[in-house]
């Protein structure tokens, strides 16, 4: 049986929206909103906690670059930025990646609590 290929290793050059020495960004293939980008270390590493300090700095720097790319094309009103770490937290590709999700006025009825909504019924406080 052939091993499962990682969809984030060896990116196709045409898929790369932005990059630096250690990380790259590409459009999410299943976007939550217009302009949803993923920021991914080139090195295959499972999650945020397995990244090197240098990779973390490079990833954060690239998020900033991605904001400029998104702003130029989509003009969102806000952002959610985050990682899923482990299958129980919703990670389905076991190669570290950060979601940069643009948010738009009216995209949900009540945005209060934001990322807390990953656990149904726990967004409010």
PDB file of N, CA and C in Angstrom:
ATOM      1  N   UNK A   1       0.855  -1.185   0.000  1.00  0.00           N
ATOM      2  CA  UNK A   1       0.000   0.000   0.000  1.00  0.00           C
ATOM      3  C   UNK A   1       0.894   1.240   0.000  1.00  0.00           C
ATOM      4  N   UNK A   2       0.564   2.212  -0.844  1.00  0.00           N
ATOM      5  CA  UNK A   2       1.338   3.453  -0.950  1.00  0.00           C
ATOM      6  C   UNK A   2       1.062   4.351   0.251  1.00  0.00           C
ATOM      7  N   UNK A   3       2.117   4.964   0.846  1.00  0.00           N
ATOM      8  CA  UNK A   3       1.885   5.860   1.989  1.00  0.00           C
ATOM      9  C   UNK A   3       1.075   7.087   1.561  1.00  0.00           C
ATOM     10  N   UNK A   4       0.335   7.635   2.521  1.00  0.00           N
ATOM     11  CA  UNK A   4      -0.457   8.837   2.264  1.00  0.00           C
ATOM     12  C   UNK A   4       0.490  10.003   2.027  1.00  0.00           C
ATOM     13  N   UNK A   5       0.256  10.746   0.964  1.00  0.00           N
ATOM     14  CA  UNK A   5       1.095  11.899   0.652  1.00  0.00           C
ATOM     15  C   UNK A   5       0.571  13.121   1.389  1.00  0.00           C
ATOM     16  N   UNK A   6       1.475  13.899   1.930  1.00  0.00           N
ATOM     17  CA  UNK A   6       1.084  15.119   2.629  1.00  0.00           C
ATOM     18  C   UNK A   6       0.752  16.197   1.593  1.00  0.00           C
ATOM     19  N   UNK A   7      -0.449  16.762   1.672  1.00  0.00           N
ATOM     20  CA  UNK A   7      -0.828  17.781   0.690  1.00  0.00           C
ATOM     21  C   UNK A   7      -0.103  19.119   0.864  1.00  0.00           C
ATOM     22  N   UNK A   8       0.627  19.290   1.968  1.00  0.00           N
ATOM     23  CA  UNK A   8       1.328  20.549   2.208  1.00  0.00           C
ATOM     24  C   UNK A   8       2.830  20.463   1.937  1.00  0.00           C
ATOM     25  N   UNK A   9       3.350  19.256   1.797  1.00  0.00           N
ATOM     26  CA  UNK A   9       4.760  19.100   1.441  1.00  0.00           C
ATOM     27  C   UNK A   9       4.896  19.299  -0.067  1.00  0.00           C
ATOM     28  N   UNK A  10       6.002  19.855  -0.474  1.00  0.00           N
ATOM     29  CA  UNK A  10       6.288  20.055  -1.897  1.00  0.00           C
ATOM     30  C   UNK A  10       5.182  20.823  -2.623  1.00  0.00           C
ATOM     31  N   UNK A  11       4.891  22.052  -2.201  1.00  0.00           N
ATOM     32  CA  UNK A  11       3.821  22.824  -2.849  1.00  0.00           C
ATOM     33  C   UNK A  11       4.154  23.159  -4.303  1.00  0.00           C
ATOM     34  N   UNK A  12       3.117  23.240  -5.093  1.00  0.00           N
ATOM     35  CA  UNK A  12       3.254  23.654  -6.491  1.00  0.00           C
ATOM     36  C   UNK A  12       3.473  25.168  -6.486  1.00  0.00           C
ATOM     37  N   UNK A  13       4.437  25.627  -7.258  1.00  0.00           N
ATOM     38  CA  UNK A  13       4.787  27.054  -7.266  1.00  0.00           C
ATOM     39  C   UNK A  13       3.582  27.950  -7.532  1.00  0.00           C
ATOM     40  N   UNK A  14       2.687  27.533  -8.413  1.00  0.00           N
ATOM     41  CA  UNK A  14       1.507  28.345  -8.741  1.00  0.00           C
ATOM     42  C   UNK A  14       0.532  28.484  -7.572  1.00  0.00           C
ATOM     43  N   UNK A  15       0.613  27.586  -6.591  1.00  0.00           N
ATOM     44  CA  UNK A  15      -0.278  27.645  -5.421  1.00  0.00           C
ATOM     45  C   UNK A  15       0.223  28.625  -4.362  1.00  0.00           C
ATOM     46  N   UNK A  16       1.491  29.008  -4.427  1.00  0.00           N
ATOM     47  CA  UNK A  16       2.082  29.851  -3.389  1.00  0.00           C
ATOM     48  C   UNK A  16       1.714  31.313  -3.631  1.00  0.00           C
ATOM     49  N   UNK A  17       1.016  31.882  -2.664  1.00  0.00           N
ATOM     50  CA  UNK A  17       0.557  33.272  -2.720  1.00  0.00           C
ATOM     51  C   UNK A  17       1.623  34.211  -2.148  1.00  0.00           C
ATOM     52  N   UNK A  18       2.310  33.741  -1.097  1.00  0.00           N
ATOM     53  CA  UNK A  18       3.377  34.509  -0.442  1.00  0.00           C
ATOM     54  C   UNK A  18       4.313  33.507   0.212  1.00  0.00           C
ATOM     55  N   UNK A  19       5.547  33.948   0.459  1.00  0.00           N
ATOM     56  CA  UNK A  19       6.512  33.026   1.054  1.00  0.00           C
ATOM     57  C   UNK A  19       7.633  33.790   1.718  1.00  0.00           C
ATOM     58  N   UNK A  20       8.346  33.107   2.590  1.00  0.00           N
ATOM     59  CA  UNK A  20       9.623  33.571   3.091  1.00  0.00           C
ATOM     60  C   UNK A  20      10.531  32.344   3.139  1.00  0.00           C
ATOM     61  N   UNK A  21      11.646  32.430   3.785  1.00  0.00           N
ATOM     62  CA  UNK A  21      12.621  31.339   3.762  1.00  0.00           C
ATOM     63  C   UNK A  21      12.072  30.035   4.349  1.00  0.00           C
ATOM     64  N   UNK A  22      11.215  30.120   5.373  1.00  0.00           N
ATOM     65  CA  UNK A  22      10.798  28.914   6.087  1.00  0.00           C
ATOM     66  C   UNK A  22       9.330  28.528   5.920  1.00  0.00           C
ATOM     67  N   UNK A  23       8.513  29.447   5.401  1.00  0.00           N
ATOM     68  CA  UNK A  23       7.077  29.188   5.316  1.00  0.00           C
ATOM     69  C   UNK A  23       6.502  29.709   4.006  1.00  0.00           C
ATOM     70  N   UNK A  24       5.323  29.200   3.685  1.00  0.00           N
ATOM     71  CA  UNK A  24       4.604  29.704   2.509  1.00  0.00           C
ATOM     72  C   UNK A  24       3.120  29.829   2.835  1.00  0.00           C
ATOM     73  N   UNK A  25       2.417  30.582   2.009  1.00  0.00           N
ATOM     74  CA  UNK A  25       0.971  30.757   2.170  1.00  0.00           C
ATOM     75  C   UNK A  25       0.285  30.352   0.881  1.00  0.00           C
ATOM     76  N   UNK A  26      -0.888  29.752   1.025  1.00  0.00           N
ATOM     77  CA  UNK A  26      -1.717  29.387  -0.124  1.00  0.00           C
ATOM     78  C   UNK A  26      -3.175  29.543   0.258  1.00  0.00           C
ATOM     79  N   UNK A  27      -4.020  29.695  -0.763  1.00  0.00           N
ATOM     80  CA  UNK A  27      -5.455  29.797  -0.517  1.00  0.00           C
ATOM     81  C   UNK A  27      -5.951  28.461   0.032  1.00  0.00           C
ATOM     82  N   UNK A  28      -6.843  28.507   1.003  1.00  0.00           N
ATOM     83  CA  UNK A  28      -7.448  27.293   1.537  1.00  0.00           C
ATOM     84  C   UNK A  28      -8.343  26.683   0.457  1.00  0.00           C
ATOM     85  N   UNK A  29      -8.266  25.393   0.257  1.00  0.00           N
ATOM     86  CA  UNK A  29      -9.084  24.734  -0.777  1.00  0.00           C
ATOM     87  C   UNK A  29     -10.541  24.579  -0.342  1.00  0.00           C
ATOM     88  N   UNK A  30     -10.810  24.735   0.947  1.00  0.00           N
ATOM     89  CA  UNK A  30     -12.177  24.668   1.483  1.00  0.00           C
ATOM     90  C   UNK A  30     -12.405  25.912   2.341  1.00  0.00           C
ATOM     91  N   UNK A  31     -12.415  27.094   1.724  1.00  0.00           N
ATOM     92  CA  UNK A  31     -12.417  28.346   2.492  1.00  0.00           C
ATOM     93  C   UNK A  31     -13.675  28.562   3.323  1.00  0.00           C
ATOM     94  N   UNK A  32     -13.446  29.099   4.512  1.00  0.00           N
ATOM     95  CA  UNK A  32     -14.532  29.497   5.399  1.00  0.00           C
ATOM     96  C   UNK A  32     -15.125  30.818   4.915  1.00  0.00           C
ATOM     97  N   UNK A  33     -14.293  31.655   4.312  1.00  0.00           N
ATOM     98  CA  UNK A  33     -14.730  32.952   3.797  1.00  0.00           C
ATOM     99  C   UNK A  33     -13.836  33.342   2.620  1.00  0.00           C
ATOM    100  N   UNK A  34     -14.246  34.390   1.897  1.00  0.00           N
ATOM    101  CA  UNK A  34     -13.430  34.900   0.788  1.00  0.00           C
ATOM    102  C   UNK A  34     -12.076  35.353   1.323  1.00  0.00           C
ATOM    103  N   UNK A  35     -10.997  34.841   0.735  1.00  0.00           N
ATOM    104  CA  UNK A  35      -9.662  35.254   1.145  1.00  0.00           C
ATOM    105  C   UNK A  35      -9.012  34.386   2.206  1.00  0.00           C
ATOM    106  N   UNK A  36      -9.618  33.278   2.579  1.00  0.00           N
ATOM    107  CA  UNK A  36      -9.074  32.372   3.601  1.00  0.00           C
ATOM    108  C   UNK A  36      -7.740  31.800   3.117  1.00  0.00           C
ATOM    109  N   UNK A  37      -6.677  32.110   3.842  1.00  0.00           N
ATOM    110  CA  UNK A  37      -5.333  31.629   3.524  1.00  0.00           C
ATOM    111  C   UNK A  37      -4.824  30.669   4.590  1.00  0.00           C
ATOM    112  N   UNK A  38      -3.921  29.788   4.182  1.00  0.00           N
ATOM    113  CA  UNK A  38      -3.191  28.930   5.107  1.00  0.00           C
ATOM    114  C   UNK A  38      -1.730  29.350   5.068  1.00  0.00           C
ATOM    115  N   UNK A  39      -1.091  29.409   6.224  1.00  0.00           N
ATOM    116  CA  UNK A  39       0.337  29.688   6.323  1.00  0.00           C
ATOM    117  C   UNK A  39       0.978  28.404   6.856  1.00  0.00           C
ATOM    118  N   UNK A  40       1.977  27.907   6.118  1.00  0.00           N
ATOM    119  CA  UNK A  40       2.478  26.550   6.317  1.00  0.00           C
ATOM    120  C   UNK A  40       4.006  26.540   6.321  1.00  0.00           C
ATOM    121  N   UNK A  41       4.627  25.890   7.294  1.00  0.00           N
ATOM    122  CA  UNK A  41       6.079  25.724   7.222  1.00  0.00           C
ATOM    123  C   UNK A  41       6.438  24.784   6.064  1.00  0.00           C
ATOM    124  N   UNK A  42       7.518  25.069   5.363  1.00  0.00           N
ATOM    125  CA  UNK A  42       7.978  24.170   4.308  1.00  0.00           C
ATOM    126  C   UNK A  42       8.360  22.807   4.894  1.00  0.00           C
ATOM    127  N   UNK A  43       9.019  22.822   6.039  1.00  0.00           N
ATOM    128  CA  UNK A  43       9.447  21.571   6.681  1.00  0.00           C
ATOM    129  C   UNK A  43       8.218  20.837   7.199  1.00  0.00           C
ATOM    130  N   UNK A  44       8.171  19.543   6.960  1.00  0.00           N
ATOM    131  CA  UNK A  44       7.056  18.756   7.485  1.00  0.00           C
ATOM    132  C   UNK A  44       7.213  18.653   8.997  1.00  0.00           C
ATOM    133  N   UNK A  45       6.306  19.277   9.694  1.00  0.00           N
ATOM    134  CA  UNK A  45       6.256  19.218  11.144  1.00  0.00           C
ATOM    135  C   UNK A  45       4.789  19.196  11.530  1.00  0.00           C
ATOM    136  N   UNK A  46       4.436  18.443  12.532  1.00  0.00           N
ATOM    137  CA  UNK A  46       3.036  18.106  12.770  1.00  0.00           C
ATOM    138  C   UNK A  46       2.161  19.277  13.215  1.00  0.00           C
ATOM    139  N   UNK A  47       2.672  20.135  14.109  1.00  0.00           N
ATOM    140  CA  UNK A  47       1.799  21.189  14.637  1.00  0.00           C
ATOM    141  C   UNK A  47       2.611  22.363  15.170  1.00  0.00           C
ATOM    142  N   UNK A  48       1.919  23.356  15.689  1.00  0.00           N
ATOM    143  CA  UNK A  48       2.558  24.570  16.207  1.00  0.00           C
ATOM    144  C   UNK A  48       3.644  24.240  17.225  1.00  0.00           C
ATOM    145  N   UNK A  49       3.376  23.282  18.086  1.00  0.00           N
ATOM    146  CA  UNK A  49       4.299  22.985  19.180  1.00  0.00           C
ATOM    147  C   UNK A  49       5.559  22.258  18.720  1.00  0.00           C
ATOM    148  N   UNK A  50       5.551  21.726  17.511  1.00  0.00           N
ATOM    149  CA  UNK A  50       6.736  21.048  16.989  1.00  0.00           C
ATOM    150  C   UNK A  50       7.579  21.949  16.070  1.00  0.00           C
ATOM    151  N   UNK A  51       7.143  23.174  15.880  1.00  0.00           N
ATOM    152  CA  UNK A  51       7.902  24.113  15.061  1.00  0.00           C
ATOM    153  C   UNK A  51       9.127  24.603  15.828  1.00  0.00           C
ATOM    154  N   UNK A  52      10.166  24.964  15.080  1.00  0.00           N
ATOM    155  CA  UNK A  52      11.331  25.576  15.705  1.00  0.00           C
ATOM    156  C   UNK A  52      11.002  27.040  16.029  1.00  0.00           C
ATOM    157  N   UNK A  53      11.759  27.648  16.931  1.00  0.00           N
ATOM    158  CA  UNK A  53      11.535  29.079  17.192  1.00  0.00           C
ATOM    159  C   UNK A  53      11.644  29.921  15.916  1.00  0.00           C
ATOM    160  N   UNK A  54      12.581  29.572  15.043  1.00  0.00           N
ATOM    161  CA  UNK A  54      12.752  30.316  13.793  1.00  0.00           C
ATOM    162  C   UNK A  54      11.530  30.158  12.880  1.00  0.00           C
ATOM    163  N   UNK A  55      10.970  28.973  12.838  1.00  0.00           N
ATOM    164  CA  UNK A  55       9.769  28.754  12.031  1.00  0.00           C
ATOM    165  C   UNK A  55       8.586  29.550  12.572  1.00  0.00           C
ATOM    166  N   UNK A  56       8.480  29.619  13.890  1.00  0.00           N
ATOM    167  CA  UNK A  56       7.383  30.395  14.489  1.00  0.00           C
ATOM    168  C   UNK A  56       7.494  31.872  14.112  1.00  0.00           C
ATOM    169  N   UNK A  57       8.697  32.421  14.193  1.00  0.00           N
ATOM    170  CA  UNK A  57       8.906  33.829  13.816  1.00  0.00           C
ATOM    171  C   UNK A  57       8.571  34.027  12.337  1.00  0.00           C
ATOM    172  N   UNK A  58       9.030  33.110  11.489  1.00  0.00           N
ATOM    173  CA  UNK A  58       8.767  33.223  10.051  1.00  0.00           C
ATOM    174  C   UNK A  58       7.274  33.118   9.755  1.00  0.00           C
ATOM    175  N   UNK A  59       6.583  32.224  10.460  1.00  0.00           N
ATOM    176  CA  UNK A  59       5.144  32.059  10.239  1.00  0.00           C
ATOM    177  C   UNK A  59       4.386  33.334  10.629  1.00  0.00           C
ATOM    178  N   UNK A  60       4.697  33.890  11.788  1.00  0.00           N
ATOM    179  CA  UNK A  60       4.026  35.119  12.232  1.00  0.00           C
ATOM    180  C   UNK A  60       4.307  36.261  11.256  1.00  0.00           C
ATOM    181  N   UNK A  61       5.526  36.357  10.788  1.00  0.00           N
ATOM    182  CA  UNK A  61       5.872  37.389   9.815  1.00  0.00           C
ATOM    183  C   UNK A  61       5.051  37.222   8.531  1.00  0.00           C
ATOM    184  N   UNK A  62       4.877  35.987   8.100  1.00  0.00           N
ATOM    185  CA  UNK A  62       4.128  35.736   6.878  1.00  0.00           C
ATOM    186  C   UNK A  62       2.632  36.011   7.063  1.00  0.00           C
ATOM    187  N   UNK A  63       2.115  35.817   8.276  1.00  0.00           N
ATOM    188  CA  UNK A  63       0.714  36.184   8.544  1.00  0.00           C
ATOM    189  C   UNK A  63       0.519  37.670   8.258  1.00  0.00           C
ATOM    190  N   UNK A  64       1.471  38.472   8.677  1.00  0.00           N
ATOM    191  CA  UNK A  64       1.405  39.910   8.427  1.00  0.00           C
ATOM    192  C   UNK A  64       1.389  40.214   6.931  1.00  0.00           C
ATOM    193  N   UNK A  65       2.233  39.528   6.180  1.00  0.00           N
ATOM    194  CA  UNK A  65       2.254  39.677   4.722  1.00  0.00           C
ATOM    195  C   UNK A  65       0.903  39.268   4.135  1.00  0.00           C
ATOM    196  N   UNK A  66       0.360  38.168   4.627  1.00  0.00           N
ATOM    197  CA  UNK A  66      -0.932  37.666   4.133  1.00  0.00           C
ATOM    198  C   UNK A  66      -2.055  38.667   4.378  1.00  0.00           C
ATOM    199  N   UNK A  67      -2.001  39.349   5.498  1.00  0.00           N
ATOM    200  CA  UNK A  67      -3.011  40.372   5.765  1.00  0.00           C
ATOM    201  C   UNK A  67      -3.016  41.399   4.645  1.00  0.00           C
ATOM    202  N   UNK A  68      -1.843  41.822   4.197  1.00  0.00           N
ATOM    203  CA  UNK A  68      -1.757  42.771   3.093  1.00  0.00           C
ATOM    204  C   UNK A  68      -2.335  42.219   1.805  1.00  0.00           C
ATOM    205  N   UNK A  69      -2.062  40.945   1.518  1.00  0.00           N
ATOM    206  CA  UNK A  69      -2.602  40.293   0.317  1.00  0.00           C
ATOM    207  C   UNK A  69      -4.133  40.261   0.385  1.00  0.00           C
ATOM    208  N   UNK A  70      -4.649  39.875   1.523  1.00  0.00           N
ATOM    209  CA  UNK A  70      -6.100  39.773   1.696  1.00  0.00           C
ATOM    210  C   UNK A  70      -6.750  41.152   1.622  1.00  0.00           C
ATOM    211  N   UNK A  71      -6.163  42.127   2.314  1.00  0.00           N
ATOM    212  CA  UNK A  71      -6.714  43.487   2.319  1.00  0.00           C
ATOM    213  C   UNK A  71      -6.818  44.047   0.899  1.00  0.00           C
ATOM    214  N   UNK A  72      -5.789  43.815   0.097  1.00  0.00           N
ATOM    215  CA  UNK A  72      -5.757  44.362  -1.268  1.00  0.00           C
ATOM    216  C   UNK A  72      -6.859  43.796  -2.146  1.00  0.00           C
ATOM    217  N   UNK A  73      -7.229  42.560  -1.905  1.00  0.00           N
ATOM    218  CA  UNK A  73      -8.201  41.912  -2.781  1.00  0.00           C
ATOM    219  C   UNK A  73      -9.619  41.844  -2.215  1.00  0.00           C
ATOM    220  N   UNK A  74      -9.769  41.761  -0.886  1.00  0.00           N
ATOM    221  CA  UNK A  74     -11.074  41.480  -0.313  1.00  0.00           C
ATOM    222  C   UNK A  74     -11.604  42.503   0.686  1.00  0.00           C
ATOM    223  N   UNK A  75     -10.775  43.323   1.284  1.00  0.00           N
ATOM    224  CA  UNK A  75     -11.180  44.353   2.255  1.00  0.00           C
ATOM    225  C   UNK A  75     -12.084  43.836   3.373  1.00  0.00           C
ATOM    226  N   UNK A  76     -11.632  42.852   4.137  1.00  0.00           N
ATOM    227  CA  UNK A  76     -12.452  42.352   5.240  1.00  0.00           C
ATOM    228  C   UNK A  76     -12.517  43.355   6.388  1.00  0.00           C
ATOM    229  N   UNK A  77     -13.443  43.095   7.313  1.00  0.00           N
ATOM    230  CA  UNK A  77     -13.609  43.960   8.482  1.00  0.00           C
ATOM    231  C   UNK A  77     -12.872  43.421   9.707  1.00  0.00           C
ATOM    232  N   UNK A  78     -12.409  42.173   9.666  1.00  0.00           N
ATOM    233  CA  UNK A  78     -11.712  41.558  10.799  1.00  0.00           C
ATOM    234  C   UNK A  78     -11.093  40.233  10.392  1.00  0.00           C
ATOM    235  N   UNK A  79     -10.508  39.548  11.369  1.00  0.00           N
ATOM    236  CA  UNK A  79      -9.826  38.273  11.106  1.00  0.00           C
ATOM    237  C   UNK A  79      -9.973  37.327  12.283  1.00  0.00           C
ATOM    238  N   UNK A  80      -9.969  36.035  11.979  1.00  0.00           N
ATOM    239  CA  UNK A  80      -9.690  34.989  12.958  1.00  0.00           C
ATOM    240  C   UNK A  80      -8.416  34.317  12.467  1.00  0.00           C
ATOM    241  N   UNK A  81      -7.484  34.105  13.393  1.00  0.00           N
ATOM    242  CA  UNK A  81      -6.210  33.482  13.061  1.00  0.00           C
ATOM    243  C   UNK A  81      -5.996  32.352  14.055  1.00  0.00           C
ATOM    244  N   UNK A  82      -5.731  31.139  13.547  1.00  0.00           N
ATOM    245  CA  UNK A  82      -5.542  30.060  14.503  1.00  0.00           C
ATOM    246  C   UNK A  82      -5.071  28.748  13.929  1.00  0.00           C
ATOM    247  N   UNK A  83      -4.694  27.865  14.862  1.00  0.00           N
ATOM    248  CA  UNK A  83      -4.193  26.531  14.569  1.00  0.00           C
ATOM    249  C   UNK A  83      -5.146  25.497  15.154  1.00  0.00           C
ATOM    250  N   UNK A  84      -5.307  24.381  14.460  1.00  0.00           N
ATOM    251  CA  UNK A  84      -5.930  23.190  15.030  1.00  0.00           C
ATOM    252  C   UNK A  84      -4.767  22.265  15.367  1.00  0.00           C
ATOM    253  N   UNK A  85      -4.686  21.820  16.609  1.00  0.00           N
ATOM    254  CA  UNK A  85      -3.580  20.966  17.043  1.00  0.00           C
ATOM    255  C   UNK A  85      -4.155  19.640  17.522  1.00  0.00           C
ATOM    256  N   UNK A  86      -3.966  18.602  16.719  1.00  0.00           N
ATOM    257  CA  UNK A  86      -4.466  17.277  17.055  1.00  0.00           C
ATOM    258  C   UNK A  86      -5.847  17.019  16.483  1.00  0.00           C
ATOM    259  N   UNK A  87      -6.119  15.746  16.247  1.00  0.00           N
ATOM    260  CA  UNK A  87      -7.402  15.352  15.660  1.00  0.00           C
ATOM    261  C   UNK A  87      -8.586  15.773  16.527  1.00  0.00           C
ATOM    262  N   UNK A  88      -8.445  15.706  17.839  1.00  0.00           N
ATOM    263  CA  UNK A  88      -9.547  16.071  18.728  1.00  0.00           C
ATOM    264  C   UNK A  88      -9.887  17.561  18.629  1.00  0.00           C
ATOM    265  N   UNK A  89      -8.925  18.358  18.172  1.00  0.00           N
ATOM    266  CA  UNK A  89      -9.138  19.798  17.983  1.00  0.00           C
ATOM    267  C   UNK A  89      -9.519  20.129  16.538  1.00  0.00           C
ATOM    268  N   UNK A  90      -9.709  19.099  15.717  1.00  0.00           N
ATOM    269  CA  UNK A  90     -10.152  19.320  14.349  1.00  0.00           C
ATOM    270  C   UNK A  90      -9.061  19.283  13.293  1.00  0.00           C
ATOM    271  N   UNK A  91      -7.816  19.002  13.681  1.00  0.00           N
ATOM    272  CA  UNK A  91      -6.740  18.949  12.686  1.00  0.00           C
ATOM    273  C   UNK A  91      -6.925  17.715  11.809  1.00  0.00           C
ATOM    274  N   UNK A  92      -7.031  17.925  10.510  1.00  0.00           N
ATOM    275  CA  UNK A  92      -7.216  16.806   9.581  1.00  0.00           C
ATOM    276  C   UNK A  92      -5.991  16.557   8.708  1.00  0.00           C
ATOM    277  N   UNK A  93      -5.149  17.568   8.532  1.00  0.00           N
ATOM    278  CA  UNK A  93      -3.877  17.394   7.827  1.00  0.00           C
ATOM    279  C   UNK A  93      -2.797  17.523   8.884  1.00  0.00           C
ATOM    280  N   UNK A  94      -2.031  16.462   9.090  1.00  0.00           N
ATOM    281  CA  UNK A  94      -1.039  16.444  10.153  1.00  0.00           C
ATOM    282  C   UNK A  94       0.293  17.042   9.700  1.00  0.00           C
ATOM    283  N   UNK A  95       0.182  18.240   9.151  1.00  0.00           N
ATOM    284  CA  UNK A  95       1.320  19.096   8.814  1.00  0.00           C
ATOM    285  C   UNK A  95       0.890  20.470   9.319  1.00  0.00           C
ATOM    286  N   UNK A  96       1.701  21.068  10.159  1.00  0.00           N
ATOM    287  CA  UNK A  96       1.343  22.348  10.775  1.00  0.00           C
ATOM    288  C   UNK A  96       0.840  23.347   9.735  1.00  0.00           C
ATOM    289  N   UNK A  97      -0.253  24.024  10.063  1.00  0.00           N
ATOM    290  CA  UNK A  97      -0.746  25.104   9.211  1.00  0.00           C
ATOM    291  C   UNK A  97      -1.605  26.040  10.054  1.00  0.00           C
ATOM    292  N   UNK A  98      -1.508  27.310   9.735  1.00  0.00           N
ATOM    293  CA  UNK A  98      -2.248  28.356  10.441  1.00  0.00           C
ATOM    294  C   UNK A  98      -3.307  28.924   9.500  1.00  0.00           C
ATOM    295  N   UNK A  99      -4.537  28.993   9.989  1.00  0.00           N
ATOM    296  CA  UNK A  99      -5.623  29.571   9.210  1.00  0.00           C
ATOM    297  C   UNK A  99      -5.665  31.081   9.425  1.00  0.00           C
ATOM    298  N   UNK A 100      -5.695  31.824   8.331  1.00  0.00           N
ATOM    299  CA  UNK A 100      -5.900  33.272   8.366  1.00  0.00           C
ATOM    300  C   UNK A 100      -7.250  33.475   7.678  1.00  0.00           C
ATOM    301  N   UNK A 101      -8.277  33.711   8.505  1.00  0.00           N
ATOM    302  CA  UNK A 101      -9.653  33.740   8.015  1.00  0.00           C
ATOM    303  C   UNK A 101     -10.197  35.162   8.081  1.00  0.00           C
ATOM    304  N   UNK A 102     -10.408  35.779   6.922  1.00  0.00           N
ATOM    305  CA  UNK A 102     -11.004  37.120   6.912  1.00  0.00           C
ATOM    306  C   UNK A 102     -12.458  37.049   7.365  1.00  0.00           C
ATOM    307  N   UNK A 103     -12.888  38.092   8.044  1.00  0.00           N
ATOM    308  CA  UNK A 103     -14.273  38.161   8.516  1.00  0.00           C
ATOM    309  C   UNK A 103     -14.931  39.408   7.949  1.00  0.00           C
ATOM    310  N   UNK A 104     -16.221  39.298   7.703  1.00  0.00           N
ATOM    311  CA  UNK A 104     -16.980  40.361   7.047  1.00  0.00           C
ATOM    312  C   UNK A 104     -18.213  40.705   7.880  1.00  0.00           C
ATOM    313  N   UNK A 105     -18.572  41.973   7.873  1.00  0.00           N
ATOM    314  CA  UNK A 105     -19.766  42.417   8.591  1.00  0.00           C
ATOM    315  C   UNK A 105     -20.949  41.585   8.104  1.00  0.00           C
ATOM    316  N   UNK A 106     -21.655  40.981   9.053  1.00  0.00           N
ATOM    317  CA  UNK A 106     -22.853  40.208   8.726  1.00  0.00           C
ATOM    318  C   UNK A 106     -22.600  38.780   8.295  1.00  0.00           C
ATOM    319  N   UNK A 107     -21.331  38.293   8.339  1.00  0.00           N
ATOM    320  CA  UNK A 107     -21.094  36.913   7.902  1.00  0.00           C
ATOM    321  C   UNK A 107     -21.664  35.881   8.881  1.00  0.00           C
ATOM    322  N   UNK A 108     -21.898  36.280  10.117  1.00  0.00           N
ATOM    323  CA  UNK A 108     -22.638  35.480  11.096  1.00  0.00           C
ATOM    324  C   UNK A 108     -23.571  36.428  11.850  1.00  0.00           C
ATOM    325  N   UNK A 109     -24.661  35.926  12.386  1.00  0.00           N
ATOM    326  CA  UNK A 109     -25.602  36.814  13.079  1.00  0.00           C
ATOM    327  C   UNK A 109     -25.002  37.528  14.289  1.00  0.00           C
ATOM    328  N   UNK A 110     -24.123  36.850  15.048  1.00  0.00           N
ATOM    329  CA  UNK A 110     -23.518  37.452  16.237  1.00  0.00           C
ATOM    330  C   UNK A 110     -22.094  36.915  16.359  1.00  0.00           C
ATOM    331  N   UNK A 111     -21.106  37.741  16.086  1.00  0.00           N
ATOM    332  CA  UNK A 111     -19.709  37.301  16.082  1.00  0.00           C
ATOM    333  C   UNK A 111     -19.061  37.305  17.463  1.00  0.00           C
ATOM    334  N   UNK A 112     -19.763  37.818  18.479  1.00  0.00           N
ATOM    335  CA  UNK A 112     -19.155  37.883  19.820  1.00  0.00           C
ATOM    336  C   UNK A 112     -18.651  36.510  20.253  1.00  0.00           C
ATOM    337  N   UNK A 113     -17.463  36.481  20.830  1.00  0.00           N
ATOM    338  CA  UNK A 113     -16.857  35.232  21.285  1.00  0.00           C
ATOM    339  C   UNK A 113     -15.949  34.599  20.249  1.00  0.00           C
ATOM    340  N   UNK A 114     -16.109  34.985  18.989  1.00  0.00           N
ATOM    341  CA  UNK A 114     -15.220  34.557  17.921  1.00  0.00           C
ATOM    342  C   UNK A 114     -14.767  33.118  17.971  1.00  0.00           C
ATOM    343  N   UNK A 115     -13.488  32.929  18.178  1.00  0.00           N
ATOM    344  CA  UNK A 115     -12.879  31.606  18.118  1.00  0.00           C
ATOM    345  C   UNK A 115     -13.404  30.662  19.199  1.00  0.00           C
ATOM    346  N   UNK A 116     -13.999  31.202  20.237  1.00  0.00           N
ATOM    347  CA  UNK A 116     -14.603  30.352  21.266  1.00  0.00           C
ATOM    348  C   UNK A 116     -15.709  29.473  20.683  1.00  0.00           C
ATOM    349  N   UNK A 117     -16.230  29.858  19.504  1.00  0.00           N
ATOM    350  CA  UNK A 117     -17.298  29.097  18.865  1.00  0.00           C
ATOM    351  C   UNK A 117     -16.874  27.743  18.355  1.00  0.00           C
ATOM    352  N   UNK A 118     -15.588  27.386  18.460  1.00  0.00           N
ATOM    353  CA  UNK A 118     -15.166  26.049  18.011  1.00  0.00           C
ATOM    354  C   UNK A 118     -15.777  24.965  18.881  1.00  0.00           C
ATOM    355  N   UNK A 119     -16.186  25.321  20.107  1.00  0.00           N
ATOM    356  CA  UNK A 119     -16.897  24.380  20.966  1.00  0.00           C
ATOM    357  C   UNK A 119     -18.359  24.847  21.018  1.00  0.00           C
ATOM    358  N   UNK A 120     -19.259  24.114  20.352  1.00  0.00           N
ATOM    359  CA  UNK A 120     -20.661  24.552  20.297  1.00  0.00           C
ATOM    360  C   UNK A 120     -21.219  24.868  21.694  1.00  0.00           C
ATOM    361  N   UNK A 121     -21.917  25.970  21.762  1.00  0.00           N
ATOM    362  CA  UNK A 121     -22.531  26.385  23.018  1.00  0.00           C
ATOM    363  C   UNK A 121     -21.601  27.096  23.977  1.00  0.00           C
ATOM    364  N   UNK A 122     -20.337  27.271  23.624  1.00  0.00           N
ATOM    365  CA  UNK A 122     -19.373  27.908  24.524  1.00  0.00           C
ATOM    366  C   UNK A 122     -18.911  29.275  24.056  1.00  0.00           C
ATOM    367  N   UNK A 123     -19.480  29.779  22.969  1.00  0.00           N
ATOM    368  CA  UNK A 123     -19.020  31.068  22.447  1.00  0.00           C
ATOM    369  C   UNK A 123     -19.363  32.192  23.415  1.00  0.00           C
ATOM    370  N   UNK A 124     -20.564  32.179  23.957  1.00  0.00           N
ATOM    371  CA  UNK A 124     -20.984  33.251  24.863  1.00  0.00           C
ATOM    372  C   UNK A 124     -20.275  33.159  26.212  1.00  0.00           C
ATOM    373  N   UNK A 125     -20.164  34.304  26.864  1.00  0.00           N
ATOM    374  CA  UNK A 125     -19.571  34.342  28.201  1.00  0.00           C
ATOM    375  C   UNK A 125     -20.150  35.448  29.002  1.00  0.00           C
TER     376      UNK A 125
END
